[in-house]
Amino acid sequence: MSLKRFLIGAGLLAALAQPLVAHHSFAAEFDSNKPVKLTGSVTRLEWKNPHIWVYLDVTERGNPLHWQCEGGAPNTLTRNGWSKDSLKFGEQVTIEGWQAKDGSNTCNLRVITLPDGRRVLAGSSAGDTPTTPKP
């Protein structure tokens, strides 16, 4: 095999492997036995592939906490009634989902209740996991 063919093959392999490294399964990062229900103020929304991220400030027992919550892919969320303008800075929302296995203030979104009261599915990578987060 020539060096040129080897380098082309190695380059293609590296290009194909990159998306696999960046993506993960629900079970690898989140715990379906750790449901969360958070009510807080939206501080930021990242609307990009492969998943959106919603950041919010939550107050628990008088302490301010910063949470980051992973949603589905933008295309999936658009089909569920979302848009990049669905959440605005400072709005109060309620997020239901599952906490990260490492116990950090990171969660996987299942449902978000918007300020107007609509409950929108968040395209969770957990799929139809039967666990319902408790208040």
Protein backbone atom coordinates (compact mmCIF):
# COMPACT_ATOMS: atom_id res chain seq x y z
CA MET A 1 0.00 0.00 0.00
CA SER A 2 1.33 3.41 -0.90
CA LEU A 3 1.84 6.10 1.69
CA LYS A 4 -0.67 8.32 -0.13
CA ARG A 5 -3.42 5.67 0.11
CA PHE A 6 -2.59 5.06 3.75
CA LEU A 7 -2.85 8.77 4.59
CA ILE A 8 -6.14 9.12 2.71
CA GLY A 9 -7.55 6.07 4.52
CA ALA A 10 -6.36 7.34 7.90
CA GLY A 11 -7.88 10.76 7.21
CA LEU A 12 -11.24 9.25 6.29
CA LEU A 13 -11.22 7.05 9.37
CA ALA A 14 -10.48 10.04 11.61
CA ALA A 15 -13.24 12.09 9.98
CA LEU A 16 -15.79 9.32 10.47
CA ALA A 17 -14.75 8.61 14.05
CA GLN A 18 -15.10 12.22 15.26
CA PRO A 19 -18.95 12.27 15.39
CA LEU A 20 -18.91 8.97 17.30
CA VAL A 21 -16.68 10.44 19.98
CA ALA A 22 -18.85 13.55 20.33
CA HIS A 23 -22.11 11.64 20.75
CA HIS A 24 -23.16 9.52 23.72
CA SER A 25 -26.04 7.41 24.85
CA PHE A 26 -28.42 8.40 27.64
CA ALA A 27 -27.25 5.51 29.86
CA ALA A 28 -23.60 6.54 29.54
CA GLU A 29 -24.15 9.93 31.16
CA PHE A 30 -27.58 10.13 32.83
CA ASP A 31 -29.28 8.08 35.55
CA SER A 32 -32.93 7.09 35.00
CA ASN A 33 -33.13 6.53 38.78
CA LYS A 34 -32.34 10.22 39.46
CA PRO A 35 -35.36 12.15 38.18
CA VAL A 36 -35.28 15.92 38.64
CA LYS A 37 -37.87 18.67 38.42
CA LEU A 38 -36.37 22.14 38.28
CA THR A 39 -38.03 25.54 38.19
CA GLY A 40 -35.80 28.44 37.39
CA SER A 41 -34.86 31.36 35.23
CA VAL A 42 -33.41 30.77 31.75
CA THR A 43 -29.91 32.22 31.48
CA ARG A 44 -28.91 30.86 28.06
CA LEU A 45 -30.06 28.60 25.22
CA GLU A 46 -27.62 26.90 22.85
CA TRP A 47 -29.54 25.80 19.74
CA LYS A 48 -27.04 23.66 17.84
CA ASN A 49 -26.35 20.07 16.84
CA PRO A 50 -26.12 17.43 18.09
CA HIS A 51 -28.20 18.61 21.12
CA ILE A 52 -29.55 21.87 22.44
CA TRP A 53 -28.58 23.02 25.93
CA VAL A 54 -30.78 25.05 28.27
CA TYR A 55 -29.05 26.83 31.15
CA LEU A 56 -31.01 28.05 34.12
CA ASP A 57 -30.63 29.44 37.60
CA VAL A 58 -32.57 27.56 40.26
CA THR A 59 -32.91 28.39 43.95
CA GLU A 60 -32.97 25.39 46.29
CA ARG A 61 -33.19 25.88 50.05
CA GLY A 62 -32.20 29.52 49.60
CA ASN A 63 -29.09 28.65 47.59
CA PRO A 64 -28.68 29.71 43.97
CA LEU A 65 -27.70 26.83 41.70
CA HIS A 66 -26.74 26.89 38.04
CA TRP A 67 -28.05 23.96 35.95
CA GLN A 68 -27.32 22.88 32.40
CA CYS A 69 -29.83 20.62 30.70
CA GLU A 70 -29.37 18.71 27.48
CA GLY A 71 -32.29 18.48 25.08
CA GLY A 72 -32.76 16.74 21.77
CA ALA A 73 -31.53 17.68 18.35
CA PRO A 74 -32.83 21.00 17.00
CA ASN A 75 -34.63 19.24 14.14
CA THR A 76 -36.45 16.90 16.54
CA LEU A 77 -37.42 19.80 18.80
CA THR A 78 -38.76 21.82 15.87
CA ARG A 79 -41.08 18.90 15.08
CA ASN A 80 -42.16 18.95 18.77
CA GLY A 81 -43.18 22.61 18.61
CA TRP A 82 -39.96 24.30 19.68
CA SER A 83 -38.00 27.04 17.97
CA LYS A 84 -34.80 28.82 18.91
CA ASP A 85 -37.06 31.64 20.13
CA SER A 86 -39.20 29.46 22.42
CA LEU A 87 -37.14 30.38 25.49
CA LYS A 88 -36.05 33.86 26.37
CA PHE A 89 -33.49 35.12 28.86
CA GLY A 90 -35.02 35.53 32.30
CA GLU A 91 -38.20 33.49 31.69
CA GLN A 92 -39.32 31.08 34.40
CA VAL A 93 -39.63 27.50 33.16
CA THR A 94 -39.98 24.07 34.73
CA ILE A 95 -37.77 21.28 33.47
CA GLU A 96 -38.38 17.59 34.13
CA GLY A 97 -35.67 15.09 33.32
CA TRP A 98 -32.86 13.00 34.75
CA GLN A 99 -29.69 14.05 36.53
CA ALA A 100 -26.19 13.18 35.36
CA LYS A 101 -24.62 10.09 36.89
CA ASP A 102 -21.78 12.17 38.31
CA GLY A 103 -24.26 14.12 40.50
CA SER A 104 -23.42 17.46 38.86
CA ASN A 105 -26.08 20.05 38.08
CA THR A 106 -26.50 18.57 34.61
CA CYS A 107 -29.65 16.89 33.37
CA ASN A 108 -31.25 15.36 30.33
CA LEU A 109 -34.51 17.12 29.43
CA ARG A 110 -37.71 15.12 29.12
CA VAL A 111 -40.39 17.85 29.25
CA ILE A 112 -40.22 21.60 29.67
CA THR A 113 -43.15 23.71 30.82
CA LEU A 114 -43.00 27.04 29.04
CA PRO A 115 -44.06 30.35 30.63
CA ASP A 116 -47.46 30.17 28.88
CA GLY A 117 -48.13 26.78 30.53
CA ARG A 118 -47.54 24.61 27.45
CA ARG A 119 -45.66 21.38 28.16
CA VAL A 120 -43.31 20.53 25.32
CA LEU A 121 -41.44 17.26 24.85
CA ALA A 122 -37.73 17.92 24.83
CA GLY A 123 -36.50 15.08 22.61
CA SER A 124 -34.74 13.23 25.42
CA SER A 125 -32.15 10.68 24.36
CA ALA A 126 -33.80 8.41 26.98
CA GLY A 127 -36.66 7.83 24.57
CA ASP A 128 -39.84 6.64 26.29
CA THR A 129 -38.26 5.90 29.65
CA PRO A 130 -41.17 5.17 32.02
CA THR A 131 -39.69 6.97 35.03
CA THR A 132 -41.54 10.21 35.73
CA PRO A 133 -39.59 12.86 37.61
CA LYS A 134 -41.02 13.71 41.03
CA PRO A 135 -41.37 17.25 42.34
